[in-house]
Amino acid sequence: MLLAYFSSGNSEGDSSSLCLISEKLENKYPPVGIDALSCSEAGVFYIGHQESVVVEIDKDERAKIIRPVPPAAIVLTPNSPEQPGFRVFRIKVIYGEDNKLKTFYCRDHSSKWEPWVPYTKTF
């Protein structure tokens, strides 16, 4: 599954939101907004065919930590046009002032949080 900003195609201003998008983008697997994911001790969120995540809440940082359930993987869109996307072990989405999002990732169990700033281009 891909972590990316997704636009609903609405012409009424910027309607893009941070979403998890199934590898098989079909009507039965629509993008799932990060805001729609809540924490549950036993909750597994179904994103698409063989794609699920679990969510933890970090109350100190007002953040959601999202981890894929194997065999699923989360792929981040590139930070620059010269680099391909890459797989990550988990992501952290921090809700800042005015609900502006800051996103971080860990590539494996032992790595530190690194900021993710996706490459964007306005047409």
PDB file of N, CA and C in Angstrom:
ATOM      1  N   MET A   1       0.849  -1.166   0.000  1.00  0.00           N
ATOM      2  CA  MET A   1       0.000   0.000   0.000  1.00  0.00           C
ATOM      3  C   MET A   1       0.895   1.229   0.000  1.00  0.00           C
ATOM      4  N   LEU A   2       0.356   2.310  -0.468  1.00  0.00           N
ATOM      5  CA  LEU A   2       1.103   3.544  -0.654  1.00  0.00           C
ATOM      6  C   LEU A   2       0.592   4.603   0.308  1.00  0.00           C
ATOM      7  N   LEU A   3       1.499   5.338   0.952  1.00  0.00           N
ATOM      8  CA  LEU A   3       1.121   6.508   1.742  1.00  0.00           C
ATOM      9  C   LEU A   3       1.326   7.706   0.834  1.00  0.00           C
ATOM     10  N   ALA A   4       0.267   8.447   0.582  1.00  0.00           N
ATOM     11  CA  ALA A   4       0.353   9.581  -0.339  1.00  0.00           C
ATOM     12  C   ALA A   4      -0.785  10.550  -0.067  1.00  0.00           C
ATOM     13  N   TYR A   5      -0.626  11.743  -0.590  1.00  0.00           N
ATOM     14  CA  TYR A   5      -1.731  12.686  -0.560  1.00  0.00           C
ATOM     15  C   TYR A   5      -2.641  12.362  -1.734  1.00  0.00           C
ATOM     16  N   PHE A   6      -3.933  12.292  -1.463  1.00  0.00           N
ATOM     17  CA  PHE A   6      -4.918  11.906  -2.463  1.00  0.00           C
ATOM     18  C   PHE A   6      -5.938  13.027  -2.585  1.00  0.00           C
ATOM     19  N   SER A   7      -6.242  13.413  -3.812  1.00  0.00           N
ATOM     20  CA  SER A   7      -7.235  14.446  -4.062  1.00  0.00           C
ATOM     21  C   SER A   7      -8.504  13.792  -4.576  1.00  0.00           C
ATOM     22  N   SER A   8      -9.623  14.241  -4.068  1.00  0.00           N
ATOM     23  CA  SER A   8     -10.905  13.672  -4.485  1.00  0.00           C
ATOM     24  C   SER A   8     -11.335  14.188  -5.850  1.00  0.00           C
ATOM     25  N   GLY A   9     -10.579  15.104  -6.433  1.00  0.00           N
ATOM     26  CA  GLY A   9     -10.940  15.645  -7.738  1.00  0.00           C
ATOM     27  C   GLY A   9     -11.974  16.740  -7.656  1.00  0.00           C
ATOM     28  N   ASN A  10     -12.239  17.210  -6.461  1.00  0.00           N
ATOM     29  CA  ASN A  10     -13.206  18.271  -6.236  1.00  0.00           C
ATOM     30  C   ASN A  10     -12.613  19.607  -6.688  1.00  0.00           C
ATOM     31  N   SER A  11     -13.366  20.419  -7.369  1.00  0.00           N
ATOM     32  CA  SER A  11     -12.861  21.697  -7.871  1.00  0.00           C
ATOM     33  C   SER A  11     -12.989  22.827  -6.847  1.00  0.00           C
ATOM     34  N   GLU A  12     -13.446  22.521  -5.653  1.00  0.00           N
ATOM     35  CA  GLU A  12     -13.655  23.531  -4.620  1.00  0.00           C
ATOM     36  C   GLU A  12     -12.442  23.678  -3.723  1.00  0.00           C
ATOM     37  N   GLY A  13     -11.319  24.111  -4.268  1.00  0.00           N
ATOM     38  CA  GLY A  13     -10.118  24.326  -3.478  1.00  0.00           C
ATOM     39  C   GLY A  13      -9.345  23.040  -3.252  1.00  0.00           C
ATOM     40  N   ASP A  14      -8.399  23.103  -2.327  1.00  0.00           N
ATOM     41  CA  ASP A  14      -7.532  21.962  -2.052  1.00  0.00           C
ATOM     42  C   ASP A  14      -8.259  20.959  -1.174  1.00  0.00           C
ATOM     43  N   SER A  15      -8.569  19.811  -1.735  1.00  0.00           N
ATOM     44  CA  SER A  15      -9.282  18.787  -0.977  1.00  0.00           C
ATOM     45  C   SER A  15      -8.420  17.543  -0.795  1.00  0.00           C
ATOM     46  N   SER A  16      -7.102  17.691  -0.924  1.00  0.00           N
ATOM     47  CA  SER A  16      -6.239  16.525  -0.782  1.00  0.00           C
ATOM     48  C   SER A  16      -6.062  16.187   0.690  1.00  0.00           C
ATOM     49  N   SER A  17      -5.927  14.881   0.947  1.00  0.00           N
ATOM     50  CA  SER A  17      -5.703  14.444   2.322  1.00  0.00           C
ATOM     51  C   SER A  17      -4.716  13.282   2.317  1.00  0.00           C
ATOM     52  N   LEU A  18      -4.042  13.096   3.442  1.00  0.00           N
ATOM     53  CA  LEU A  18      -3.065  12.025   3.579  1.00  0.00           C
ATOM     54  C   LEU A  18      -3.813  10.706   3.722  1.00  0.00           C
ATOM     55  N   CYS A  19      -3.497   9.758   2.841  1.00  0.00           N
ATOM     56  CA  CYS A  19      -4.239   8.496   2.779  1.00  0.00           C
ATOM     57  C   CYS A  19      -3.315   7.298   2.615  1.00  0.00           C
ATOM     58  N   LEU A  20      -3.830   6.145   2.989  1.00  0.00           N
ATOM     59  CA  LEU A  20      -3.233   4.867   2.621  1.00  0.00           C
ATOM     60  C   LEU A  20      -4.021   4.374   1.410  1.00  0.00           C
ATOM     61  N   ILE A  21      -3.297   4.033   0.353  1.00  0.00           N
ATOM     62  CA  ILE A  21      -3.924   3.656  -0.904  1.00  0.00           C
ATOM     63  C   ILE A  21      -3.529   2.226  -1.235  1.00  0.00           C
ATOM     64  N   SER A  22      -4.513   1.393  -1.472  1.00  0.00           N
ATOM     65  CA  SER A  22      -4.279  -0.007  -1.796  1.00  0.00           C
ATOM     66  C   SER A  22      -3.502  -0.135  -3.100  1.00  0.00           C
ATOM     67  N   GLU A  23      -2.689  -1.187  -3.199  1.00  0.00           N
ATOM     68  CA  GLU A  23      -1.977  -1.444  -4.451  1.00  0.00           C
ATOM     69  C   GLU A  23      -2.953  -1.648  -5.593  1.00  0.00           C
ATOM     70  N   LYS A  24      -4.119  -2.228  -5.279  1.00  0.00           N
ATOM     71  CA  LYS A  24      -5.145  -2.446  -6.290  1.00  0.00           C
ATOM     72  C   LYS A  24      -6.205  -1.371  -6.115  1.00  0.00           C
ATOM     73  N   LEU A  25      -5.971  -0.226  -6.718  1.00  0.00           N
ATOM     74  CA  LEU A  25      -6.897   0.895  -6.594  1.00  0.00           C
ATOM     75  C   LEU A  25      -8.155   0.585  -7.409  1.00  0.00           C
ATOM     76  N   GLU A  26      -9.185   0.167  -6.701  1.00  0.00           N
ATOM     77  CA  GLU A  26     -10.464  -0.189  -7.309  1.00  0.00           C
ATOM     78  C   GLU A  26     -11.567   0.413  -6.457  1.00  0.00           C
ATOM     79  N   ASN A  27     -12.787   0.356  -6.961  1.00  0.00           N
ATOM     80  CA  ASN A  27     -13.923   0.877  -6.200  1.00  0.00           C
ATOM     81  C   ASN A  27     -14.091   0.188  -4.860  1.00  0.00           C
ATOM     82  N   LYS A  28     -13.785  -1.114  -4.804  1.00  0.00           N
ATOM     83  CA  LYS A  28     -13.980  -1.820  -3.539  1.00  0.00           C
ATOM     84  C   LYS A  28     -12.841  -1.566  -2.547  1.00  0.00           C
ATOM     85  N   TYR A  29     -11.754  -0.927  -2.989  1.00  0.00           N
ATOM     86  CA  TYR A  29     -10.635  -0.569  -2.109  1.00  0.00           C
ATOM     87  C   TYR A  29     -10.331   0.927  -2.246  1.00  0.00           C
ATOM     88  N   PRO A  30     -11.201   1.796  -1.773  1.00  0.00           N
ATOM     89  CA  PRO A  30     -10.936   3.240  -1.906  1.00  0.00           C
ATOM     90  C   PRO A  30      -9.803   3.665  -0.966  1.00  0.00           C
ATOM     91  N   PRO A  31      -9.159   4.800  -1.237  1.00  0.00           N
ATOM     92  CA  PRO A  31      -8.141   5.318  -0.312  1.00  0.00           C
ATOM     93  C   PRO A  31      -8.741   5.535   1.075  1.00  0.00           C
ATOM     94  N   VAL A  32      -7.947   5.247   2.103  1.00  0.00           N
ATOM     95  CA  VAL A  32      -8.393   5.405   3.488  1.00  0.00           C
ATOM     96  C   VAL A  32      -7.620   6.558   4.106  1.00  0.00           C
ATOM     97  N   GLY A  33      -8.344   7.590   4.514  1.00  0.00           N
ATOM     98  CA  GLY A  33      -7.719   8.762   5.121  1.00  0.00           C
ATOM     99  C   GLY A  33      -7.104   8.432   6.473  1.00  0.00           C
ATOM    100  N   ILE A  34      -5.965   9.007   6.745  1.00  0.00           N
ATOM    101  CA  ILE A  34      -5.291   8.806   8.032  1.00  0.00           C
ATOM    102  C   ILE A  34      -6.206   9.251   9.173  1.00  0.00           C
ATOM    103  N   ASP A  35      -6.979  10.298   8.946  1.00  0.00           N
ATOM    104  CA  ASP A  35      -7.906  10.779   9.978  1.00  0.00           C
ATOM    105  C   ASP A  35      -8.957   9.738  10.344  1.00  0.00           C
ATOM    106  N   ALA A  36      -9.279   8.837   9.419  1.00  0.00           N
ATOM    107  CA  ALA A  36     -10.307   7.818   9.664  1.00  0.00           C
ATOM    108  C   ALA A  36      -9.797   6.664  10.517  1.00  0.00           C
ATOM    109  N   LEU A  37      -8.489   6.560  10.694  1.00  0.00           N
ATOM    110  CA  LEU A  37      -7.922   5.458  11.473  1.00  0.00           C
ATOM    111  C   LEU A  37      -7.911   5.824  12.949  1.00  0.00           C
ATOM    112  N   SER A  38      -8.516   4.980  13.772  1.00  0.00           N
ATOM    113  CA  SER A  38      -8.510   5.220  15.216  1.00  0.00           C
ATOM    114  C   SER A  38      -7.795   4.062  15.899  1.00  0.00           C
ATOM    115  N   CYS A  39      -7.498   4.240  17.152  1.00  0.00           N
ATOM    116  CA  CYS A  39      -6.748   3.232  17.895  1.00  0.00           C
ATOM    117  C   CYS A  39      -7.698   2.263  18.579  1.00  0.00           C
ATOM    118  N   SER A  40      -7.314   1.004  18.569  1.00  0.00           N
ATOM    119  CA  SER A  40      -8.048  -0.035  19.267  1.00  0.00           C
ATOM    120  C   SER A  40      -7.053  -1.119  19.640  1.00  0.00           C
ATOM    121  N   GLU A  41      -7.184  -1.681  20.829  1.00  0.00           N
ATOM    122  CA  GLU A  41      -6.225  -2.699  21.257  1.00  0.00           C
ATOM    123  C   GLU A  41      -6.255  -3.932  20.372  1.00  0.00           C
ATOM    124  N   ALA A  42      -7.383  -4.201  19.739  1.00  0.00           N
ATOM    125  CA  ALA A  42      -7.479  -5.384  18.895  1.00  0.00           C
ATOM    126  C   ALA A  42      -7.820  -5.024  17.450  1.00  0.00           C
ATOM    127  N   GLY A  43      -7.795  -3.735  17.126  1.00  0.00           N
ATOM    128  CA  GLY A  43      -8.226  -3.297  15.813  1.00  0.00           C
ATOM    129  C   GLY A  43      -7.197  -3.473  14.727  1.00  0.00           C
ATOM    130  N   VAL A  44      -7.617  -4.074  13.643  1.00  0.00           N
ATOM    131  CA  VAL A  44      -6.813  -4.175  12.435  1.00  0.00           C
ATOM    132  C   VAL A  44      -7.642  -3.520  11.338  1.00  0.00           C
ATOM    133  N   PHE A  45      -7.074  -2.552  10.661  1.00  0.00           N
ATOM    134  CA  PHE A  45      -7.787  -1.846   9.608  1.00  0.00           C
ATOM    135  C   PHE A  45      -7.465  -2.461   8.260  1.00  0.00           C
ATOM    136  N   TYR A  46      -8.515  -2.862   7.574  1.00  0.00           N
ATOM    137  CA  TYR A  46      -8.409  -3.474   6.260  1.00  0.00           C
ATOM    138  C   TYR A  46      -8.331  -2.368   5.216  1.00  0.00           C
ATOM    139  N   ILE A  47      -7.229  -2.326   4.460  1.00  0.00           N
ATOM    140  CA  ILE A  47      -7.020  -1.297   3.443  1.00  0.00           C
ATOM    141  C   ILE A  47      -7.304  -1.845   2.044  1.00  0.00           C
ATOM    142  N   GLY A  48      -6.932  -3.088   1.809  1.00  0.00           N
ATOM    143  CA  GLY A  48      -7.131  -3.708   0.504  1.00  0.00           C
ATOM    144  C   GLY A  48      -6.839  -5.193   0.588  1.00  0.00           C
ATOM    145  N   HIS A  49      -6.815  -5.849  -0.546  1.00  0.00           N
ATOM    146  CA  HIS A  49      -6.544  -7.283  -0.598  1.00  0.00           C
ATOM    147  C   HIS A  49      -5.184  -7.578   0.023  1.00  0.00           C
ATOM    148  N   GLN A  50      -5.150  -8.323   1.117  1.00  0.00           N
ATOM    149  CA  GLN A  50      -3.937  -8.665   1.878  1.00  0.00           C
ATOM    150  C   GLN A  50      -3.177  -7.432   2.353  1.00  0.00           C
ATOM    151  N   GLU A  51      -3.894  -6.340   2.620  1.00  0.00           N
ATOM    152  CA  GLU A  51      -3.274  -5.105   3.105  1.00  0.00           C
ATOM    153  C   GLU A  51      -4.039  -4.603   4.325  1.00  0.00           C
ATOM    154  N   SER A  52      -3.371  -4.646   5.482  1.00  0.00           N
ATOM    155  CA  SER A  52      -3.974  -4.200   6.734  1.00  0.00           C
ATOM    156  C   SER A  52      -2.937  -3.456   7.551  1.00  0.00           C
ATOM    157  N   VAL A  53      -3.422  -2.631   8.476  1.00  0.00           N
ATOM    158  CA  VAL A  53      -2.541  -1.896   9.382  1.00  0.00           C
ATOM    159  C   VAL A  53      -3.099  -1.941  10.796  1.00  0.00           C
ATOM    160  N   VAL A  54      -2.219  -1.740  11.767  1.00  0.00           N
ATOM    161  CA  VAL A  54      -2.623  -1.507  13.147  1.00  0.00           C
ATOM    162  C   VAL A  54      -2.185  -0.094  13.514  1.00  0.00           C
ATOM    163  N   VAL A  55      -2.934   0.509  14.439  1.00  0.00           N
ATOM    164  CA  VAL A  55      -2.691   1.912  14.789  1.00  0.00           C
ATOM    165  C   VAL A  55      -2.509   2.034  16.288  1.00  0.00           C
ATOM    166  N   GLU A  56      -1.464   2.759  16.682  1.00  0.00           N
ATOM    167  CA  GLU A  56      -1.239   3.120  18.088  1.00  0.00           C
ATOM    168  C   GLU A  56      -1.361   4.629  18.194  1.00  0.00           C
ATOM    169  N   ILE A  57      -1.755   5.106  19.370  1.00  0.00           N
ATOM    170  CA  ILE A  57      -1.845   6.540  19.608  1.00  0.00           C
ATOM    171  C   ILE A  57      -0.735   6.940  20.572  1.00  0.00           C
ATOM    172  N   ASP A  58       0.015   7.959  20.206  1.00  0.00           N
ATOM    173  CA  ASP A  58       1.019   8.552  21.090  1.00  0.00           C
ATOM    174  C   ASP A  58       0.410   9.848  21.603  1.00  0.00           C
ATOM    175  N   LYS A  59      -0.166   9.801  22.811  1.00  0.00           N
ATOM    176  CA  LYS A  59      -0.881  10.955  23.356  1.00  0.00           C
ATOM    177  C   LYS A  59       0.044  12.128  23.651  1.00  0.00           C
ATOM    178  N   ASP A  60       1.298  11.848  24.003  1.00  0.00           N
ATOM    179  CA  ASP A  60       2.242  12.924  24.311  1.00  0.00           C
ATOM    180  C   ASP A  60       2.515  13.809  23.103  1.00  0.00           C
ATOM    181  N   GLU A  61       2.579  13.207  21.931  1.00  0.00           N
ATOM    182  CA  GLU A  61       2.887  13.960  20.718  1.00  0.00           C
ATOM    183  C   GLU A  61       1.667  14.233  19.842  1.00  0.00           C
ATOM    184  N   ARG A  62       0.474  13.823  20.296  1.00  0.00           N
ATOM    185  CA  ARG A  62      -0.740  13.919  19.472  1.00  0.00           C
ATOM    186  C   ARG A  62      -0.469  13.269  18.119  1.00  0.00           C
ATOM    187  N   ALA A  63      -0.063  12.014  18.153  1.00  0.00           N
ATOM    188  CA  ALA A  63       0.358  11.319  16.936  1.00  0.00           C
ATOM    189  C   ALA A  63      -0.296   9.950  16.808  1.00  0.00           C
ATOM    190  N   LYS A  64      -0.353   9.484  15.563  1.00  0.00           N
ATOM    191  CA  LYS A  64      -0.768   8.118  15.254  1.00  0.00           C
ATOM    192  C   LYS A  64       0.453   7.399  14.699  1.00  0.00           C
ATOM    193  N   ILE A  65       0.705   6.207  15.226  1.00  0.00           N
ATOM    194  CA  ILE A  65       1.784   5.372  14.713  1.00  0.00           C
ATOM    195  C   ILE A  65       1.111   4.213  13.983  1.00  0.00           C
ATOM    196  N   ILE A  66       1.456   4.069  12.710  1.00  0.00           N
ATOM    197  CA  ILE A  66       0.782   3.106  11.839  1.00  0.00           C
ATOM    198  C   ILE A  66       1.793   2.081  11.348  1.00  0.00           C
ATOM    199  N   ARG A  67       1.448   0.815  11.541  1.00  0.00           N
ATOM    200  CA  ARG A  67       2.348  -0.280  11.163  1.00  0.00           C
ATOM    201  C   ARG A  67       1.581  -1.275  10.305  1.00  0.00           C
ATOM    202  N   PRO A  68       2.176  -1.696   9.174  1.00  0.00           N
ATOM    203  CA  PRO A  68       1.494  -2.683   8.339  1.00  0.00           C
ATOM    204  C   PRO A  68       1.509  -4.065   8.976  1.00  0.00           C
ATOM    205  N   VAL A  69       0.493  -4.859   8.690  1.00  0.00           N
ATOM    206  CA  VAL A  69       0.421  -6.244   9.142  1.00  0.00           C
ATOM    207  C   VAL A  69       0.964  -7.107   8.005  1.00  0.00           C
ATOM    208  N   PRO A  70       2.043  -7.888   8.258  1.00  0.00           N
ATOM    209  CA  PRO A  70       2.605  -8.711   7.178  1.00  0.00           C
ATOM    210  C   PRO A  70       1.545  -9.631   6.594  1.00  0.00           C
ATOM    211  N   PRO A  71       1.551  -9.849   5.292  1.00  0.00           N
ATOM    212  CA  PRO A  71       2.602  -9.558   4.317  1.00  0.00           C
ATOM    213  C   PRO A  71       2.541  -8.156   3.728  1.00  0.00           C
ATOM    214  N   ALA A  72       1.669  -7.304   4.230  1.00  0.00           N
ATOM    215  CA  ALA A  72       1.544  -5.949   3.683  1.00  0.00           C
ATOM    216  C   ALA A  72       2.798  -5.125   3.961  1.00  0.00           C
ATOM    217  N   ALA A  73       2.976  -4.096   3.162  1.00  0.00           N
ATOM    218  CA  ALA A  73       4.078  -3.150   3.335  1.00  0.00           C
ATOM    219  C   ALA A  73       3.554  -1.761   3.017  1.00  0.00           C
ATOM    220  N   ILE A  74       4.139  -0.762   3.674  1.00  0.00           N
ATOM    221  CA  ILE A  74       3.814   0.626   3.358  1.00  0.00           C
ATOM    222  C   ILE A  74       4.959   1.178   2.521  1.00  0.00           C
ATOM    223  N   VAL A  75       4.599   1.790   1.402  1.00  0.00           N
ATOM    224  CA  VAL A  75       5.579   2.415   0.517  1.00  0.00           C
ATOM    225  C   VAL A  75       5.307   3.912   0.530  1.00  0.00           C
ATOM    226  N   LEU A  76       6.363   4.698   0.738  1.00  0.00           N
ATOM    227  CA  LEU A  76       6.228   6.151   0.710  1.00  0.00           C
ATOM    228  C   LEU A  76       6.516   6.667  -0.685  1.00  0.00           C
ATOM    229  N   THR A  77       5.784   7.696  -1.083  1.00  0.00           N
ATOM    230  CA  THR A  77       6.093   8.337  -2.353  1.00  0.00           C
ATOM    231  C   THR A  77       7.442   9.039  -2.208  1.00  0.00           C
ATOM    232  N   PRO A  78       8.130   9.298  -3.306  1.00  0.00           N
ATOM    233  CA  PRO A  78       9.495   9.840  -3.235  1.00  0.00           C
ATOM    234  C   PRO A  78       9.592  11.218  -2.597  1.00  0.00           C
ATOM    235  N   ASN A  79      10.779  11.481  -2.027  1.00  0.00           N
ATOM    236  CA  ASN A  79      11.081  12.814  -1.512  1.00  0.00           C
ATOM    237  C   ASN A  79      11.531  13.745  -2.640  1.00  0.00           C
ATOM    238  N   SER A  80      12.021  13.175  -3.736  1.00  0.00           N
ATOM    239  CA  SER A  80      12.460  13.971  -4.883  1.00  0.00           C
ATOM    240  C   SER A  80      12.198  13.177  -6.158  1.00  0.00           C
ATOM    241  N   PRO A  81      12.131  13.858  -7.310  1.00  0.00           N
ATOM    242  CA  PRO A  81      11.833  13.136  -8.553  1.00  0.00           C
ATOM    243  C   PRO A  81      12.943  12.189  -8.990  1.00  0.00           C
ATOM    244  N   GLU A  82      14.142  12.342  -8.441  1.00  0.00           N
ATOM    245  CA  GLU A  82      15.259  11.473  -8.806  1.00  0.00           C
ATOM    246  C   GLU A  82      15.250  10.156  -8.039  1.00  0.00           C
ATOM    247  N   GLN A  83      14.445  10.043  -6.999  1.00  0.00           N
ATOM    248  CA  GLN A  83      14.432   8.846  -6.162  1.00  0.00           C
ATOM    249  C   GLN A  83      13.123   8.086  -6.308  1.00  0.00           C
ATOM    250  N   PRO A  84      13.180   6.766  -6.278  1.00  0.00           N
ATOM    251  CA  PRO A  84      11.933   5.993  -6.269  1.00  0.00           C
ATOM    252  C   PRO A  84      11.324   6.013  -4.869  1.00  0.00           C
ATOM    253  N   GLY A  85      10.096   5.556  -4.751  1.00  0.00           N
ATOM    254  CA  GLY A  85       9.494   5.391  -3.435  1.00  0.00           C
ATOM    255  C   GLY A  85      10.219   4.288  -2.680  1.00  0.00           C
ATOM    256  N   PHE A  86       9.966   4.156  -1.380  1.00  0.00           N
ATOM    257  CA  PHE A  86      10.659   3.141  -0.590  1.00  0.00           C
ATOM    258  C   PHE A  86       9.747   2.587   0.493  1.00  0.00           C
ATOM    259  N   ARG A  87      10.035   1.335   0.898  1.00  0.00           N
ATOM    260  CA  ARG A  87       9.266   0.657   1.942  1.00  0.00           C
ATOM    261  C   ARG A  87       9.716   1.120   3.315  1.00  0.00           C
ATOM    262  N   VAL A  88       8.756   1.149   4.250  1.00  0.00           N
ATOM    263  CA  VAL A  88       9.071   1.536   5.619  1.00  0.00           C
ATOM    264  C   VAL A  88       8.460   0.540   6.602  1.00  0.00           C
ATOM    265  N   PHE A  89       9.040   0.486   7.803  1.00  0.00           N
ATOM    266  CA  PHE A  89       8.562  -0.415   8.856  1.00  0.00           C
ATOM    267  C   PHE A  89       7.305   0.148   9.523  1.00  0.00           C
ATOM    268  N   ARG A  90       7.283   1.474   9.744  1.00  0.00           N
ATOM    269  CA  ARG A  90       6.137   2.136  10.364  1.00  0.00           C
ATOM    270  C   ARG A  90       6.197   3.623  10.063  1.00  0.00           C
ATOM    271  N   ILE A  91       5.059   4.290  10.245  1.00  0.00           N
ATOM    272  CA  ILE A  91       4.996   5.731  10.060  1.00  0.00           C
ATOM    273  C   ILE A  91       4.372   6.369  11.297  1.00  0.00           C
ATOM    274  N   LYS A  92       4.716   7.635  11.501  1.00  0.00           N
ATOM    275  CA  LYS A  92       4.123   8.408  12.599  1.00  0.00           C
ATOM    276  C   LYS A  92       3.595   9.709  12.011  1.00  0.00           C
ATOM    277  N   VAL A  93       2.331   9.992  12.270  1.00  0.00           N
ATOM    278  CA  VAL A  93       1.706  11.223  11.795  1.00  0.00           C
ATOM    279  C   VAL A  93       1.370  12.052  13.017  1.00  0.00           C
ATOM    280  N   ILE A  94       2.012  13.222  13.118  1.00  0.00           N
ATOM    281  CA  ILE A  94       1.809  14.117  14.258  1.00  0.00           C
ATOM    282  C   ILE A  94       0.873  15.241  13.835  1.00  0.00           C
ATOM    283  N   TYR A  95      -0.141  15.480  14.660  1.00  0.00           N
ATOM    284  CA  TYR A  95      -1.082  16.561  14.412  1.00  0.00           C
ATOM    285  C   TYR A  95      -0.583  17.803  15.123  1.00  0.00           C
ATOM    286  N   GLY A  96      -0.117  18.785  14.356  1.00  0.00           N
ATOM    287  CA  GLY A  96       0.389  20.034  14.918  1.00  0.00           C
ATOM    288  C   GLY A  96      -0.718  21.052  15.081  1.00  0.00           C
ATOM    289  N   GLU A  97      -0.298  22.296  15.208  1.00  0.00           N
ATOM    290  CA  GLU A  97      -1.273  23.381  15.329  1.00  0.00           C
ATOM    291  C   GLU A  97      -2.118  23.444  14.069  1.00  0.00           C
ATOM    292  N   ASP A  98      -3.376  23.794  14.216  1.00  0.00           N
ATOM    293  CA  ASP A  98      -4.336  23.862  13.111  1.00  0.00           C
ATOM    294  C   ASP A  98      -4.439  22.536  12.360  1.00  0.00           C
ATOM    295  N   ASN A  99      -4.137  21.425  13.045  1.00  0.00           N
ATOM    296  CA  ASN A  99      -4.194  20.073  12.475  1.00  0.00           C
ATOM    297  C   ASN A  99      -3.305  19.891  11.246  1.00  0.00           C
ATOM    298  N   LYS A 100      -2.228  20.680  11.155  1.00  0.00           N
ATOM    299  CA  LYS A 100      -1.255  20.467  10.083  1.00  0.00           C
ATOM    300  C   LYS A 100      -0.454  19.231  10.445  1.00  0.00           C
ATOM    301  N   LEU A 101      -0.220  18.381   9.446  1.00  0.00           N
ATOM    302  CA  LEU A 101       0.420  17.097   9.693  1.00  0.00           C
ATOM    303  C   LEU A 101       1.919  17.150   9.474  1.00  0.00           C
ATOM    304  N   LYS A 102       2.639  16.464  10.353  1.00  0.00           N
ATOM    305  CA  LYS A 102       4.061  16.209  10.175  1.00  0.00           C
ATOM    306  C   LYS A 102       4.192  14.696  10.153  1.00  0.00           C
ATOM    307  N   THR A 103       4.863  14.173   9.148  1.00  0.00           N
ATOM    308  CA  THR A 103       4.948  12.724   8.976  1.00  0.00           C
ATOM    309  C   THR A 103       6.393  12.264   9.079  1.00  0.00           C
ATOM    310  N   PHE A 104       6.590  11.168   9.818  1.00  0.00           N
ATOM    311  CA  PHE A 104       7.910  10.583  10.014  1.00  0.00           C
ATOM    312  C   PHE A 104       7.835   9.100   9.699  1.00  0.00           C
ATOM    313  N   TYR A 105       8.979   8.470   9.459  1.00  0.00           N
ATOM    314  CA  TYR A 105       9.010   7.040   9.160  1.00  0.00           C
ATOM    315  C   TYR A 105      10.238   6.394   9.768  1.00  0.00           C
ATOM    316  N   CYS A 106      10.145   5.085   9.973  1.00  0.00           N
ATOM    317  CA  CYS A 106      11.280   4.237  10.363  1.00  0.00           C
ATOM    318  C   CYS A 106      11.408   3.172   9.287  1.00  0.00           C
ATOM    319  N   ARG A 107      12.624   2.955   8.827  1.00  0.00           N
ATOM    320  CA  ARG A 107      12.832   1.943   7.787  1.00  0.00           C
ATOM    321  C   ARG A 107      12.863   0.531   8.346  1.00  0.00           C
ATOM    322  N   ASP A 108      13.239   0.379   9.630  1.00  0.00           N
ATOM    323  CA  ASP A 108      13.278  -0.953  10.240  1.00  0.00           C
ATOM    324  C   ASP A 108      13.082  -0.827  11.740  1.00  0.00           C
ATOM    325  N   HIS A 109      13.166  -1.963  12.456  1.00  0.00           N
ATOM    326  CA  HIS A 109      12.920  -1.995  13.912  1.00  0.00           C
ATOM    327  C   HIS A 109      13.820  -1.044  14.687  1.00  0.00           C
ATOM    328  N   SER A 110      15.077  -0.946  14.299  1.00  0.00           N
ATOM    329  CA  SER A 110      16.054  -0.218  15.107  1.00  0.00           C
ATOM    330  C   SER A 110      16.355   1.196  14.610  1.00  0.00           C
ATOM    331  N   SER A 111      15.755   1.623  13.522  1.00  0.00           N
ATOM    332  CA  SER A 111      16.078   2.952  13.000  1.00  0.00           C
ATOM    333  C   SER A 111      15.316   4.042  13.751  1.00  0.00           C
ATOM    334  N   LYS A 112      15.845   5.257  13.646  1.00  0.00           N
ATOM    335  CA  LYS A 112      15.217   6.412  14.282  1.00  0.00           C
ATOM    336  C   LYS A 112      14.188   7.009  13.329  1.00  0.00           C
ATOM    337  N   TRP A 113      13.299   7.812  13.898  1.00  0.00           N
ATOM    338  CA  TRP A 113      12.291   8.490  13.094  1.00  0.00           C
ATOM    339  C   TRP A 113      12.966   9.500  12.175  1.00  0.00           C
ATOM    340  N   GLU A 114      12.598   9.465  10.891  1.00  0.00           N
ATOM    341  CA  GLU A 114      13.103  10.425   9.909  1.00  0.00           C
ATOM    342  C   GLU A 114      11.909  11.165   9.316  1.00  0.00           C
ATOM    343  N   PRO A 115      12.069  12.472   9.024  1.00  0.00           N
ATOM    344  CA  PRO A 115      10.932  13.207   8.458  1.00  0.00           C
ATOM    345  C   PRO A 115      10.673  12.800   7.009  1.00  0.00           C
ATOM    346  N   TRP A 116       9.411  12.776   6.647  1.00  0.00           N
ATOM    347  CA  TRP A 116       9.007  12.493   5.269  1.00  0.00           C
ATOM    348  C   TRP A 116       8.363  13.742   4.695  1.00  0.00           C
ATOM    349  N   VAL A 117       8.960  14.247   3.645  1.00  0.00           N
ATOM    350  CA  VAL A 117       8.427  15.406   2.939  1.00  0.00           C
ATOM    351  C   VAL A 117       8.294  14.990   1.479  1.00  0.00           C
ATOM    352  N   PRO A 118       7.099  14.601   1.071  1.00  0.00           N
ATOM    353  CA  PRO A 118       6.947  14.095  -0.302  1.00  0.00           C
ATOM    354  C   PRO A 118       7.185  15.172  -1.342  1.00  0.00           C
ATOM    355  N   TYR A 119       7.712  14.756  -2.463  1.00  0.00           N
ATOM    356  CA  TYR A 119       7.905  15.649  -3.590  1.00  0.00           C
ATOM    357  C   TYR A 119       6.540  15.999  -4.163  1.00  0.00           C
ATOM    358  N   THR A 120       6.285  17.264  -4.355  1.00  0.00           N
ATOM    359  CA  THR A 120       5.024  17.678  -4.946  1.00  0.00           C
ATOM    360  C   THR A 120       5.297  18.630  -6.102  1.00  0.00           C
ATOM    361  N   LYS A 121       4.432  18.612  -7.062  1.00  0.00           N
ATOM    362  CA  LYS A 121       4.553  19.482  -8.225  1.00  0.00           C
ATOM    363  C   LYS A 121       3.173  19.977  -8.576  1.00  0.00           C
ATOM    364  N   THR A 122       3.044  21.281  -8.710  1.00  0.00           N
ATOM    365  CA  THR A 122       1.768  21.872  -9.064  1.00  0.00           C
ATOM    366  C   THR A 122       1.714  22.084 -10.570  1.00  0.00           C
ATOM    367  N   PHE A 123       0.627  21.676 -11.160  1.00  0.00           N
ATOM    368  CA  PHE A 123       0.472  21.835 -12.611  1.00  0.00           C
ATOM    369  C   PHE A 123      -0.399  23.015 -12.915  1.00  0.00           C
TER     370      PHE A 123
END
